[in-house]
Amino acid sequence: MRHLILSLGLTLWASTGTAFDVEDQAVFGDPEASSTLRILSTADISFFTPMILSYLEANPNVAVDYTVASSTDVMAALYEEQHSFDLAISSAMDLQTKLANDGLARVHSTNQTARLPDWAVWNDMVFAFTQEPAAFVISNKAFEGLDLPEDRQDLITTLRQNPEIFESRVGTYDIRQSGAGYLFATQDARASDTYWRLTEVMGALDPKLYCCTSNMIDAVVSGELAIAYNVLASYAEKRADSDAFTIILPSDFSIVMLRTMLIPTTSANPDLAGTFLDFVLGQTFPKGTSPLLQSEMLAEANENSLHRIALGPGLLVYLDQFKNKSFIREWESAILQE
């Protein structure tokens, strides 16, 4: 069969009148296919291409239209703007849970989903298919002569003692823009008060703020950053230029995010979406980690240091409007020091 991979980009998408920002878009499969599966995802196209092509081999009469957006834009597209996508894939577990909790996700129950472990499914609507730890990614060149930080306290000490190295060269998520960044920050704060001390230390060094993991890794590789905090280890591990940096899972605790899928109620092809969802789950389990974004570091990590984020209503706590504003205000005070 023919596999067409067409990058469409922002300009073409903007002509459709959508209000949310699209980072990338590609169409896979036969352009004359009888059905098109429309996926809205936070994951880069390159990470999903092998899975999509494998799915199309088994489903030659289907095309896949894959759109990439930030986690907050995925939420806006589905929650506020009610766009018709057949499948939503996101690294922001809390936002996916809110979509389901507020009646914007379809129930999907099959023999495949029935075999899932409890941690990988919530209310037969939200399905996890990866376990991805957040890590420090540090520039090998910038850290020449320095001890590598093993945990957050080590990182605090290193930053305080070497301001000439780290001034304007520390990067982390802008949690006002990144849903995944906000999720990591709230989970960090829940786990330890060290997070706020570290945030204040980073804030004193004029840090750079990013929407996405890939951008932070690019900045470390280019030398713009000496260190990036709370980067998805799975993305860093897959880089061809990984000899430029070292990935460290902090030994005090490592937040582990579950990337999830759901079928929006606005889906025009929910049955087709279900076949792709089951296909991905079938490739993922029973191993427990997805071959798409499998983290070797996670497999080698000390289990006692892993802090897995649990699917469920507990994720909605920091989405409360008052708590959200209060948390971001405290974060801004710490990270945006004048």
C-alpha atoms as a PDB file:
ATOM      1  CA  MET A   1       0.000   0.000   0.000  1.00  0.00           C
ATOM      2  CA  ARG A   2       1.009   3.633  -0.358  1.00  0.00           C
ATOM      3  CA  HIS A   3       2.020   5.567   2.745  1.00  0.00           C
ATOM      4  CA  LEU A   4       1.795   9.320   2.287  1.00  0.00           C
ATOM      5  CA  ILE A   5       3.361  11.420   5.037  1.00  0.00           C
ATOM      6  CA  LEU A   6       2.520  15.043   4.386  1.00  0.00           C
ATOM      7  CA  SER A   7       3.661  17.809   6.714  1.00  0.00           C
ATOM      8  CA  LEU A   8       1.048  20.543   6.681  1.00  0.00           C
ATOM      9  CA  GLY A   9       2.221  23.123   9.227  1.00  0.00           C
ATOM     10  CA  LEU A  10       0.630  26.112  10.861  1.00  0.00           C
ATOM     11  CA  THR A  11      -0.280  28.270   7.872  1.00  0.00           C
ATOM     12  CA  LEU A  12      -2.555  25.719   6.241  1.00  0.00           C
ATOM     13  CA  TRP A  13      -4.208  24.818   9.524  1.00  0.00           C
ATOM     14  CA  ALA A  14      -4.801  28.447  10.399  1.00  0.00           C
ATOM     15  CA  SER A  15      -6.889  28.790   7.252  1.00  0.00           C
ATOM     16  CA  THR A  16      -9.492  26.473   8.750  1.00  0.00           C
ATOM     17  CA  GLY A  17     -10.292  29.098  11.383  1.00  0.00           C
ATOM     18  CA  THR A  18      -9.146  27.173  14.457  1.00  0.00           C
ATOM     19  CA  ALA A  19      -8.206  29.252  17.492  1.00  0.00           C
ATOM     20  CA  PHE A  20      -5.803  26.824  19.166  1.00  0.00           C
ATOM     21  CA  ASP A  21      -2.135  26.782  18.132  1.00  0.00           C
ATOM     22  CA  VAL A  22      -0.944  23.842  16.062  1.00  0.00           C
ATOM     23  CA  GLU A  23       2.738  22.930  16.292  1.00  0.00           C
ATOM     24  CA  ASP A  24       2.854  20.364  13.493  1.00  0.00           C
ATOM     25  CA  GLN A  25       0.611  18.166  11.387  1.00  0.00           C
ATOM     26  CA  ALA A  26       1.028  15.161   9.078  1.00  0.00           C
ATOM     27  CA  VAL A  27      -1.242  12.846   7.125  1.00  0.00           C
ATOM     28  CA  PHE A  28      -0.333   9.159   6.861  1.00  0.00           C
ATOM     29  CA  GLY A  29      -1.714   6.531   4.517  1.00  0.00           C
ATOM     30  CA  ASP A  30      -3.564   6.432   1.218  1.00  0.00           C
ATOM     31  CA  PRO A  31      -5.092   9.863   0.450  1.00  0.00           C
ATOM     32  CA  GLU A  32      -8.027   8.027  -1.147  1.00  0.00           C
ATOM     33  CA  ALA A  33      -8.692   5.920   1.969  1.00  0.00           C
ATOM     34  CA  SER A  34     -12.332   5.356   2.819  1.00  0.00           C
ATOM     35  CA  SER A  35     -11.890   6.537   6.441  1.00  0.00           C
ATOM     36  CA  THR A  36      -9.668   9.096   8.153  1.00  0.00           C
ATOM     37  CA  LEU A  37      -8.716   8.902  11.824  1.00  0.00           C
ATOM     38  CA  ARG A  38      -8.060  12.375  13.243  1.00  0.00           C
ATOM     39  CA  ILE A  39      -5.665  12.408  16.196  1.00  0.00           C
ATOM     40  CA  LEU A  40      -4.827  15.439  18.347  1.00  0.00           C
ATOM     41  CA  SER A  41      -1.666  14.823  20.356  1.00  0.00           C
ATOM     42  CA  THR A  42       1.070  16.433  22.419  1.00  0.00           C
ATOM     43  CA  ALA A  43       3.616  13.840  21.229  1.00  0.00           C
ATOM     44  CA  ASP A  44       5.990  14.760  18.405  1.00  0.00           C
ATOM     45  CA  ILE A  45       5.212  13.205  15.023  1.00  0.00           C
ATOM     46  CA  SER A  46       8.529  11.361  14.968  1.00  0.00           C
ATOM     47  CA  PHE A  47       7.628   9.423  18.106  1.00  0.00           C
ATOM     48  CA  PHE A  48       4.307   8.197  16.780  1.00  0.00           C
ATOM     49  CA  THR A  49       5.275   7.530  13.165  1.00  0.00           C
ATOM     50  CA  PRO A  50       6.384   3.891  13.717  1.00  0.00           C
ATOM     51  CA  MET A  51       3.160   3.047  15.561  1.00  0.00           C
ATOM     52  CA  ILE A  52       0.970   4.751  12.963  1.00  0.00           C
ATOM     53  CA  LEU A  53       2.670   2.995  10.046  1.00  0.00           C
ATOM     54  CA  SER A  54       2.370  -0.332  11.829  1.00  0.00           C
ATOM     55  CA  TYR A  55      -1.347   0.329  12.377  1.00  0.00           C
ATOM     56  CA  LEU A  56      -1.846   1.222   8.708  1.00  0.00           C
ATOM     57  CA  GLU A  57      -0.237  -2.032   7.583  1.00  0.00           C
ATOM     58  CA  ALA A  58      -3.076  -3.831   9.362  1.00  0.00           C
ATOM     59  CA  ASN A  59      -5.682  -1.249   8.306  1.00  0.00           C
ATOM     60  CA  PRO A  60      -4.905  -0.292   4.676  1.00  0.00           C
ATOM     61  CA  ASN A  61      -8.246   1.429   4.075  1.00  0.00           C
ATOM     62  CA  VAL A  62      -7.580   4.056   6.760  1.00  0.00           C
ATOM     63  CA  ALA A  63      -5.654   7.332   6.669  1.00  0.00           C
ATOM     64  CA  VAL A  64      -4.370   9.009   9.835  1.00  0.00           C
ATOM     65  CA  ASP A  65      -4.424  12.797  10.203  1.00  0.00           C
ATOM     66  CA  TYR A  66      -2.060  13.544  13.120  1.00  0.00           C
ATOM     67  CA  THR A  67      -2.007  17.031  14.669  1.00  0.00           C
ATOM     68  CA  VAL A  68       0.480  18.143  17.342  1.00  0.00           C
ATOM     69  CA  ALA A  69      -0.356  20.842  19.896  1.00  0.00           C
ATOM     70  CA  SER A  70       0.636  21.735  23.447  1.00  0.00           C
ATOM     71  CA  SER A  71      -1.302  20.094  26.253  1.00  0.00           C
ATOM     72  CA  THR A  72      -3.103  23.343  27.056  1.00  0.00           C
ATOM     73  CA  ASP A  73      -4.085  23.754  23.405  1.00  0.00           C
ATOM     74  CA  VAL A  74      -5.318  20.147  23.261  1.00  0.00           C
ATOM     75  CA  MET A  75      -7.521  21.016  26.217  1.00  0.00           C
ATOM     76  CA  ALA A  76      -8.723  24.248  24.604  1.00  0.00           C
ATOM     77  CA  ALA A  77      -9.515  22.504  21.317  1.00  0.00           C
ATOM     78  CA  LEU A  78     -11.656  19.858  22.981  1.00  0.00           C
ATOM     79  CA  TYR A  79     -13.025  21.525  26.100  1.00  0.00           C
ATOM     80  CA  GLU A  80     -13.670  25.077  24.934  1.00  0.00           C
ATOM     81  CA  GLU A  81     -13.828  24.915  21.147  1.00  0.00           C
ATOM     82  CA  GLN A  82     -15.408  21.445  20.752  1.00  0.00           C
ATOM     83  CA  HIS A  83     -13.322  20.443  17.732  1.00  0.00           C
ATOM     84  CA  SER A  84     -14.062  17.041  16.244  1.00  0.00           C
ATOM     85  CA  PHE A  85     -11.006  14.861  16.802  1.00  0.00           C
ATOM     86  CA  ASP A  86     -11.326  11.102  17.094  1.00  0.00           C
ATOM     87  CA  LEU A  87      -8.553  10.551  19.625  1.00  0.00           C
ATOM     88  CA  ALA A  88      -6.772  12.810  22.128  1.00  0.00           C
ATOM     89  CA  ILE A  89      -3.290  11.886  23.326  1.00  0.00           C
ATOM     90  CA  SER A  90      -1.678  13.992  26.028  1.00  0.00           C
ATOM     91  CA  SER A  91       1.101  14.142  28.583  1.00  0.00           C
ATOM     92  CA  ALA A  92      -1.148  16.232  30.887  1.00  0.00           C
ATOM     93  CA  MET A  93      -2.909  13.537  32.884  1.00  0.00           C
ATOM     94  CA  ASP A  94      -4.880  16.063  34.910  1.00  0.00           C
ATOM     95  CA  LEU A  95      -6.361  17.764  31.844  1.00  0.00           C
ATOM     96  CA  GLN A  96      -7.291  14.415  30.286  1.00  0.00           C
ATOM     97  CA  THR A  97      -8.956  13.409  33.546  1.00  0.00           C
ATOM     98  CA  LYS A  98     -10.913  16.665  33.598  1.00  0.00           C
ATOM     99  CA  LEU A  99     -12.159  16.051  30.048  1.00  0.00           C
ATOM    100  CA  ALA A 100     -13.446  12.647  31.119  1.00  0.00           C
ATOM    101  CA  ASN A 101     -14.790  13.834  34.461  1.00  0.00           C
ATOM    102  CA  ASP A 102     -16.738  16.642  32.781  1.00  0.00           C
ATOM    103  CA  GLY A 103     -18.426  14.346  30.287  1.00  0.00           C
ATOM    104  CA  LEU A 104     -16.266  15.054  27.232  1.00  0.00           C
ATOM    105  CA  ALA A 105     -14.840  11.538  26.773  1.00  0.00           C
ATOM    106  CA  ARG A 106     -16.513   8.364  25.551  1.00  0.00           C
ATOM    107  CA  VAL A 107     -16.525   5.093  27.448  1.00  0.00           C
ATOM    108  CA  HIS A 108     -14.458   2.459  25.652  1.00  0.00           C
ATOM    109  CA  SER A 109     -14.611  -1.107  26.933  1.00  0.00           C
ATOM    110  CA  THR A 110     -13.167  -4.052  24.999  1.00  0.00           C
ATOM    111  CA  ASN A 111     -11.330  -7.303  25.645  1.00  0.00           C
ATOM    112  CA  GLN A 112      -8.103  -5.309  25.269  1.00  0.00           C
ATOM    113  CA  THR A 113      -9.000  -2.689  27.884  1.00  0.00           C
ATOM    114  CA  ALA A 114     -10.284  -5.378  30.256  1.00  0.00           C
ATOM    115  CA  ARG A 115      -6.743  -6.760  30.500  1.00  0.00           C
ATOM    116  CA  LEU A 116      -5.200  -3.461  31.603  1.00  0.00           C
ATOM    117  CA  PRO A 117      -3.637  -3.062  35.052  1.00  0.00           C
ATOM    118  CA  ASP A 118      -5.595  -0.800  37.393  1.00  0.00           C
ATOM    119  CA  TRP A 119      -3.029   2.017  37.180  1.00  0.00           C
ATOM    120  CA  ALA A 120      -3.484   2.287  33.399  1.00  0.00           C
ATOM    121  CA  VAL A 121      -7.207   3.064  33.158  1.00  0.00           C
ATOM    122  CA  TRP A 122      -9.746   5.373  34.779  1.00  0.00           C
ATOM    123  CA  ASN A 123     -13.500   4.893  34.408  1.00  0.00           C
ATOM    124  CA  ASP A 124     -13.057   3.148  31.030  1.00  0.00           C
ATOM    125  CA  MET A 125     -12.373   6.555  29.486  1.00  0.00           C
ATOM    126  CA  VAL A 126      -8.728   7.504  30.125  1.00  0.00           C
ATOM    127  CA  PHE A 127      -6.052   4.965  29.149  1.00  0.00           C
ATOM    128  CA  ALA A 128      -2.328   5.150  29.952  1.00  0.00           C
ATOM    129  CA  PHE A 129       0.222   3.648  27.593  1.00  0.00           C
ATOM    130  CA  THR A 130       3.567   5.013  28.832  1.00  0.00           C
ATOM    131  CA  GLN A 131       5.403   5.634  32.082  1.00  0.00           C
ATOM    132  CA  GLU A 132       7.781   8.571  31.616  1.00  0.00           C
ATOM    133  CA  PRO A 133       9.993   9.992  34.377  1.00  0.00           C
ATOM    134  CA  ALA A 134      10.968  13.651  34.654  1.00  0.00           C
ATOM    135  CA  ALA A 135      14.721  14.198  34.784  1.00  0.00           C
ATOM    136  CA  PHE A 136      17.557  16.699  34.925  1.00  0.00           C
ATOM    137  CA  VAL A 137      19.225  17.069  31.533  1.00  0.00           C
ATOM    138  CA  ILE A 138      22.640  18.657  31.948  1.00  0.00           C
ATOM    139  CA  SER A 139      25.196  19.887  29.428  1.00  0.00           C
ATOM    140  CA  ASN A 140      28.355  17.801  29.637  1.00  0.00           C
ATOM    141  CA  LYS A 141      30.443  20.779  28.555  1.00  0.00           C
ATOM    142  CA  ALA A 142      28.939  23.156  31.140  1.00  0.00           C
ATOM    143  CA  PHE A 143      29.476  20.642  33.951  1.00  0.00           C
ATOM    144  CA  GLU A 144      33.143  19.949  33.209  1.00  0.00           C
ATOM    145  CA  GLY A 145      34.910  19.962  36.574  1.00  0.00           C
ATOM    146  CA  LEU A 146      31.652  19.902  38.562  1.00  0.00           C
ATOM    147  CA  ASP A 147      30.117  17.015  40.450  1.00  0.00           C
ATOM    148  CA  LEU A 148      26.892  15.810  38.881  1.00  0.00           C
ATOM    149  CA  PRO A 149      23.849  16.522  41.087  1.00  0.00           C
ATOM    150  CA  GLU A 150      22.158  13.338  42.256  1.00  0.00           C
ATOM    151  CA  ASP A 151      19.094  14.953  43.789  1.00  0.00           C
ATOM    152  CA  ARG A 152      17.367  18.342  44.178  1.00  0.00           C
ATOM    153  CA  GLN A 153      19.430  19.373  47.175  1.00  0.00           C
ATOM    154  CA  ASP A 154      22.630  18.672  45.238  1.00  0.00           C
ATOM    155  CA  LEU A 155      21.248  20.766  42.389  1.00  0.00           C
ATOM    156  CA  ILE A 156      20.437  23.646  44.739  1.00  0.00           C
ATOM    157  CA  THR A 157      23.993  23.565  46.113  1.00  0.00           C
ATOM    158  CA  THR A 158      25.547  23.438  42.635  1.00  0.00           C
ATOM    159  CA  LEU A 159      23.487  26.376  41.363  1.00  0.00           C
ATOM    160  CA  ARG A 160      24.195  28.502  44.446  1.00  0.00           C
ATOM    161  CA  GLN A 161      27.955  27.884  44.353  1.00  0.00           C
ATOM    162  CA  ASN A 162      28.387  28.528  40.614  1.00  0.00           C
ATOM    163  CA  PRO A 163      26.207  31.489  39.580  1.00  0.00           C
ATOM    164  CA  GLU A 164      28.743  32.529  36.934  1.00  0.00           C
ATOM    165  CA  ILE A 165      28.113  29.235  35.106  1.00  0.00           C
ATOM    166  CA  PHE A 166      24.344  29.109  35.464  1.00  0.00           C
ATOM    167  CA  GLU A 167      23.229  32.735  35.115  1.00  0.00           C
ATOM    168  CA  SER A 168      20.594  32.741  32.305  1.00  0.00           C
ATOM    169  CA  ARG A 169      21.459  29.095  31.521  1.00  0.00           C
ATOM    170  CA  VAL A 170      18.854  27.216  33.588  1.00  0.00           C
ATOM    171  CA  GLY A 171      15.702  26.066  31.827  1.00  0.00           C
ATOM    172  CA  THR A 172      12.363  24.661  32.940  1.00  0.00           C
ATOM    173  CA  TYR A 173       8.712  24.649  31.886  1.00  0.00           C
ATOM    174  CA  ASP A 174       6.622  27.782  31.802  1.00  0.00           C
ATOM    175  CA  ILE A 175       3.755  26.280  33.775  1.00  0.00           C
ATOM    176  CA  ARG A 176       1.413  29.034  32.558  1.00  0.00           C
ATOM    177  CA  GLN A 177       1.715  27.624  29.038  1.00  0.00           C
ATOM    178  CA  SER A 178       2.514  23.955  29.529  1.00  0.00           C
ATOM    179  CA  GLY A 179      -0.071  21.628  31.002  1.00  0.00           C
ATOM    180  CA  ALA A 180       2.571  18.931  31.507  1.00  0.00           C
ATOM    181  CA  GLY A 181       4.838  21.476  33.181  1.00  0.00           C
ATOM    182  CA  TYR A 182       2.033  22.522  35.532  1.00  0.00           C
ATOM    183  CA  LEU A 183       1.338  18.869  36.351  1.00  0.00           C
ATOM    184  CA  PHE A 184       4.998  18.205  37.163  1.00  0.00           C
ATOM    185  CA  ALA A 185       5.248  21.351  39.280  1.00  0.00           C
ATOM    186  CA  THR A 186       2.182  20.581  41.386  1.00  0.00           C
ATOM    187  CA  GLN A 187       3.311  16.998  41.897  1.00  0.00           C
ATOM    188  CA  ASP A 188       6.803  18.199  42.853  1.00  0.00           C
ATOM    189  CA  ALA A 189       5.327  20.593  45.382  1.00  0.00           C
ATOM    190  CA  ARG A 190       3.134  17.843  46.809  1.00  0.00           C
ATOM    191  CA  ALA A 191       6.076  15.515  47.217  1.00  0.00           C
ATOM    192  CA  SER A 192       8.553  17.862  48.919  1.00  0.00           C
ATOM    193  CA  ASP A 193       9.145  21.442  50.079  1.00  0.00           C
ATOM    194  CA  THR A 194      12.514  21.205  48.318  1.00  0.00           C
ATOM    195  CA  TYR A 195      10.735  22.109  45.079  1.00  0.00           C
ATOM    196  CA  TRP A 196      10.014  25.645  46.256  1.00  0.00           C
ATOM    197  CA  ARG A 197      13.587  26.177  47.482  1.00  0.00           C
ATOM    198  CA  LEU A 198      14.893  24.969  44.129  1.00  0.00           C
ATOM    199  CA  THR A 199      12.444  27.197  42.241  1.00  0.00           C
ATOM    200  CA  GLU A 200      13.631  30.243  44.187  1.00  0.00           C
ATOM    201  CA  VAL A 201      17.277  29.393  43.490  1.00  0.00           C
ATOM    202  CA  MET A 202      16.537  28.973  39.772  1.00  0.00           C
ATOM    203  CA  GLY A 203      14.567  32.227  39.829  1.00  0.00           C
ATOM    204  CA  ALA A 204      17.588  34.146  41.132  1.00  0.00           C
ATOM    205  CA  LEU A 205      19.567  33.028  38.065  1.00  0.00           C
ATOM    206  CA  ASP A 206      17.257  34.561  35.440  1.00  0.00           C
ATOM    207  CA  PRO A 207      16.010  31.200  34.117  1.00  0.00           C
ATOM    208  CA  LYS A 208      14.630  30.571  30.636  1.00  0.00           C
ATOM    209  CA  LEU A 209      11.091  29.185  30.429  1.00  0.00           C
ATOM    210  CA  TYR A 210       9.851  26.756  27.780  1.00  0.00           C
ATOM    211  CA  CYS A 211       6.637  25.212  26.530  1.00  0.00           C
ATOM    212  CA  CYS A 212       8.087  21.853  25.620  1.00  0.00           C
ATOM    213  CA  THR A 213      10.654  19.192  26.468  1.00  0.00           C
ATOM    214  CA  SER A 214      12.108  19.091  22.954  1.00  0.00           C
ATOM    215  CA  ASN A 215      12.875  22.817  23.004  1.00  0.00           C
ATOM    216  CA  MET A 216      14.678  22.501  26.331  1.00  0.00           C
ATOM    217  CA  ILE A 217      16.821  19.624  25.078  1.00  0.00           C
ATOM    218  CA  ASP A 218      17.657  21.600  21.917  1.00  0.00           C
ATOM    219  CA  ALA A 219      18.835  24.488  24.132  1.00  0.00           C
ATOM    220  CA  VAL A 220      21.052  22.183  26.204  1.00  0.00           C
ATOM    221  CA  VAL A 221      22.606  20.712  23.060  1.00  0.00           C
ATOM    222  CA  SER A 222      23.239  24.163  21.549  1.00  0.00           C
ATOM    223  CA  GLY A 223      24.895  25.387  24.755  1.00  0.00           C
ATOM    224  CA  GLU A 224      22.213  27.971  25.475  1.00  0.00           C
ATOM    225  CA  LEU A 225      21.327  26.042  28.628  1.00  0.00           C
ATOM    226  CA  ALA A 226      23.613  24.349  31.129  1.00  0.00           C
ATOM    227  CA  ILE A 227      20.722  22.406  32.669  1.00  0.00           C
ATOM    228  CA  ALA A 228      17.050  21.762  32.027  1.00  0.00           C
ATOM    229  CA  TYR A 229      14.784  20.750  34.904  1.00  0.00           C
ATOM    230  CA  ASN A 230      11.847  18.297  34.668  1.00  0.00           C
ATOM    231  CA  VAL A 231      12.574  17.123  31.140  1.00  0.00           C
ATOM    232  CA  LEU A 232      10.876  13.940  29.943  1.00  0.00           C
ATOM    233  CA  ALA A 233      13.655  11.344  30.036  1.00  0.00           C
ATOM    234  CA  SER A 234      11.985   9.339  27.269  1.00  0.00           C
ATOM    235  CA  TYR A 235      12.464  12.202  24.801  1.00  0.00           C
ATOM    236  CA  ALA A 236      16.070  12.806  25.824  1.00  0.00           C
ATOM    237  CA  GLU A 237      16.966   9.123  25.533  1.00  0.00           C
ATOM    238  CA  LYS A 238      15.828   8.985  21.901  1.00  0.00           C
ATOM    239  CA  ARG A 239      18.015  11.882  20.748  1.00  0.00           C
ATOM    240  CA  ALA A 240      20.759  11.227  18.214  1.00  0.00           C
ATOM    241  CA  ASP A 241      22.847  13.967  19.870  1.00  0.00           C
ATOM    242  CA  SER A 242      22.615  12.489  23.374  1.00  0.00           C
ATOM    243  CA  ASP A 243      26.406  12.504  23.742  1.00  0.00           C
ATOM    244  CA  ALA A 244      26.117  16.249  24.452  1.00  0.00           C
ATOM    245  CA  PHE A 245      24.238  15.773  27.710  1.00  0.00           C
ATOM    246  CA  THR A 246      23.668  13.534  30.717  1.00  0.00           C
ATOM    247  CA  ILE A 247      20.225  12.489  31.944  1.00  0.00           C
ATOM    248  CA  ILE A 248      19.761  12.203  35.698  1.00  0.00           C
ATOM    249  CA  LEU A 249      16.731  10.841  37.527  1.00  0.00           C
ATOM    250  CA  PRO A 250      16.882  12.593  40.919  1.00  0.00           C
ATOM    251  CA  SER A 251      17.414  10.066  43.684  1.00  0.00           C
ATOM    252  CA  ASP A 252      15.227  11.875  46.243  1.00  0.00           C
ATOM    253  CA  PHE A 253      12.151  11.296  44.055  1.00  0.00           C
ATOM    254  CA  SER A 254      11.425  11.066  40.366  1.00  0.00           C
ATOM    255  CA  ILE A 255       7.988  12.128  39.158  1.00  0.00           C
ATOM    256  CA  VAL A 256       6.654   9.587  36.647  1.00  0.00           C
ATOM    257  CA  MET A 257       4.004  10.787  34.199  1.00  0.00           C
ATOM    258  CA  LEU A 258       1.603   8.475  32.373  1.00  0.00           C
ATOM    259  CA  ARG A 259       0.854   9.516  28.783  1.00  0.00           C
ATOM    260  CA  THR A 260      -2.829   8.876  28.124  1.00  0.00           C
ATOM    261  CA  MET A 261      -5.408   8.476  25.363  1.00  0.00           C
ATOM    262  CA  LEU A 262      -9.149   9.125  25.292  1.00  0.00           C
ATOM    263  CA  ILE A 263     -11.921   9.253  22.692  1.00  0.00           C
ATOM    264  CA  PRO A 264     -13.645  12.673  22.751  1.00  0.00           C
ATOM    265  CA  THR A 265     -17.425  12.820  22.634  1.00  0.00           C
ATOM    266  CA  THR A 266     -17.034  14.999  19.515  1.00  0.00           C
ATOM    267  CA  SER A 267     -15.370  12.141  17.609  1.00  0.00           C
ATOM    268  CA  ALA A 268     -16.899  11.513  14.185  1.00  0.00           C
ATOM    269  CA  ASN A 269     -15.366   8.013  14.090  1.00  0.00           C
ATOM    270  CA  PRO A 270     -15.375   6.628  17.633  1.00  0.00           C
ATOM    271  CA  ASP A 271     -15.263   2.988  16.532  1.00  0.00           C
ATOM    272  CA  LEU A 272     -12.229   3.690  14.348  1.00  0.00           C
ATOM    273  CA  ALA A 273     -10.623   5.561  17.242  1.00  0.00           C
ATOM    274  CA  GLY A 274     -11.237   2.525  19.400  1.00  0.00           C
ATOM    275  CA  THR A 275      -9.355   0.262  16.988  1.00  0.00           C
ATOM    276  CA  PHE A 276      -6.288   2.517  17.123  1.00  0.00           C
ATOM    277  CA  LEU A 277      -6.509   2.878  20.910  1.00  0.00           C
ATOM    278  CA  ASP A 278      -6.670  -0.910  21.303  1.00  0.00           C
ATOM    279  CA  PHE A 279      -3.827  -1.329  18.816  1.00  0.00           C
ATOM    280  CA  VAL A 280      -1.570   0.947  20.865  1.00  0.00           C
ATOM    281  CA  LEU A 281      -2.542  -0.768  24.115  1.00  0.00           C
ATOM    282  CA  GLY A 282      -1.871  -4.139  22.498  1.00  0.00           C
ATOM    283  CA  GLN A 283       1.664  -2.994  21.659  1.00  0.00           C
ATOM    284  CA  THR A 284       2.183  -1.677  25.175  1.00  0.00           C
ATOM    285  CA  PHE A 285       0.961  -4.367  27.548  1.00  0.00           C
ATOM    286  CA  PRO A 286       1.621  -6.676  29.323  1.00  0.00           C
ATOM    287  CA  LYS A 287       5.148  -5.189  29.476  1.00  0.00           C
ATOM    288  CA  GLY A 288       3.848  -2.082  31.252  1.00  0.00           C
ATOM    289  CA  THR A 289       5.863   0.420  29.226  1.00  0.00           C
ATOM    290  CA  SER A 290       5.272   1.503  25.659  1.00  0.00           C
ATOM    291  CA  PRO A 291       7.798   0.721  22.940  1.00  0.00           C
ATOM    292  CA  LEU A 292       6.953   4.180  21.574  1.00  0.00           C
ATOM    293  CA  LEU A 293       8.571   6.068  24.433  1.00  0.00           C
ATOM    294  CA  GLN A 294      10.098   3.351  26.560  1.00  0.00           C
ATOM    295  CA  SER A 295      12.522   4.710  29.146  1.00  0.00           C
ATOM    296  CA  GLU A 296      15.580   2.586  29.802  1.00  0.00           C
ATOM    297  CA  MET A 297      16.335   4.782  32.811  1.00  0.00           C
ATOM    298  CA  LEU A 298      12.959   3.935  34.313  1.00  0.00           C
ATOM    299  CA  ALA A 299      13.706   0.226  34.048  1.00  0.00           C
ATOM    300  CA  GLU A 300      17.020   0.745  35.850  1.00  0.00           C
ATOM    301  CA  ALA A 301      15.768   3.212  38.486  1.00  0.00           C
ATOM    302  CA  ASN A 302      15.444   2.538  42.204  1.00  0.00           C
ATOM    303  CA  GLU A 303      11.761   1.710  42.592  1.00  0.00           C
ATOM    304  CA  ASN A 304      11.643   3.448  45.978  1.00  0.00           C
ATOM    305  CA  SER A 305      12.573   6.781  44.376  1.00  0.00           C
ATOM    306  CA  LEU A 306       9.795   6.687  41.758  1.00  0.00           C
ATOM    307  CA  HIS A 307       6.728   8.816  42.403  1.00  0.00           C
ATOM    308  CA  ARG A 308       4.117   7.649  39.893  1.00  0.00           C
ATOM    309  CA  ILE A 309       1.235  10.038  39.314  1.00  0.00           C
ATOM    310  CA  ALA A 310      -2.021   8.147  39.801  1.00  0.00           C
ATOM    311  CA  LEU A 311      -4.924   8.521  37.404  1.00  0.00           C
ATOM    312  CA  GLY A 312      -8.129   9.648  39.072  1.00  0.00           C
ATOM    313  CA  PRO A 313     -10.014  12.569  40.606  1.00  0.00           C
ATOM    314  CA  GLY A 314      -7.048  13.475  42.826  1.00  0.00           C
ATOM    315  CA  LEU A 315      -5.528  15.058  39.713  1.00  0.00           C
ATOM    316  CA  LEU A 316      -8.337  17.609  39.634  1.00  0.00           C
ATOM    317  CA  VAL A 317      -7.301  19.309  42.883  1.00  0.00           C
ATOM    318  CA  TYR A 318      -4.914  21.799  41.287  1.00  0.00           C
ATOM    319  CA  LEU A 319      -7.294  22.436  38.390  1.00  0.00           C
ATOM    320  CA  ASP A 320      -9.642  24.176  40.802  1.00  0.00           C
ATOM    321  CA  GLN A 321      -9.639  27.802  39.664  1.00  0.00           C
ATOM    322  CA  PHE A 322      -8.659  29.203  43.060  1.00  0.00           C
ATOM    323  CA  LYS A 323      -5.888  26.655  43.646  1.00  0.00           C
ATOM    324  CA  ASN A 324      -4.629  27.092  40.089  1.00  0.00           C
ATOM    325  CA  LYS A 325      -4.327  30.867  40.404  1.00  0.00           C
ATOM    326  CA  SER A 326      -2.784  30.606  43.859  1.00  0.00           C
ATOM    327  CA  PHE A 327      -0.185  28.048  42.739  1.00  0.00           C
ATOM    328  CA  ILE A 328       0.801  30.010  39.628  1.00  0.00           C
ATOM    329  CA  ARG A 329       1.046  33.219  41.654  1.00  0.00           C
ATOM    330  CA  GLU A 330       3.414  31.535  44.127  1.00  0.00           C
ATOM    331  CA  TRP A 331       5.420  30.027  41.260  1.00  0.00           C
ATOM    332  CA  GLU A 332       5.708  33.405  39.513  1.00  0.00           C
ATOM    333  CA  SER A 333       6.944  34.986  42.736  1.00  0.00           C
ATOM    334  CA  ALA A 334       9.684  32.360  43.012  1.00  0.00           C
ATOM    335  CA  ILE A 335      10.758  31.990  39.374  1.00  0.00           C
ATOM    336  CA  LEU A 336      10.292  35.541  38.001  1.00  0.00           C
ATOM    337  CA  GLN A 337      12.515  37.489  40.357  1.00  0.00           C
ATOM    338  CA  GLU A 338      13.394  41.045  39.332  1.00  0.00           C
END
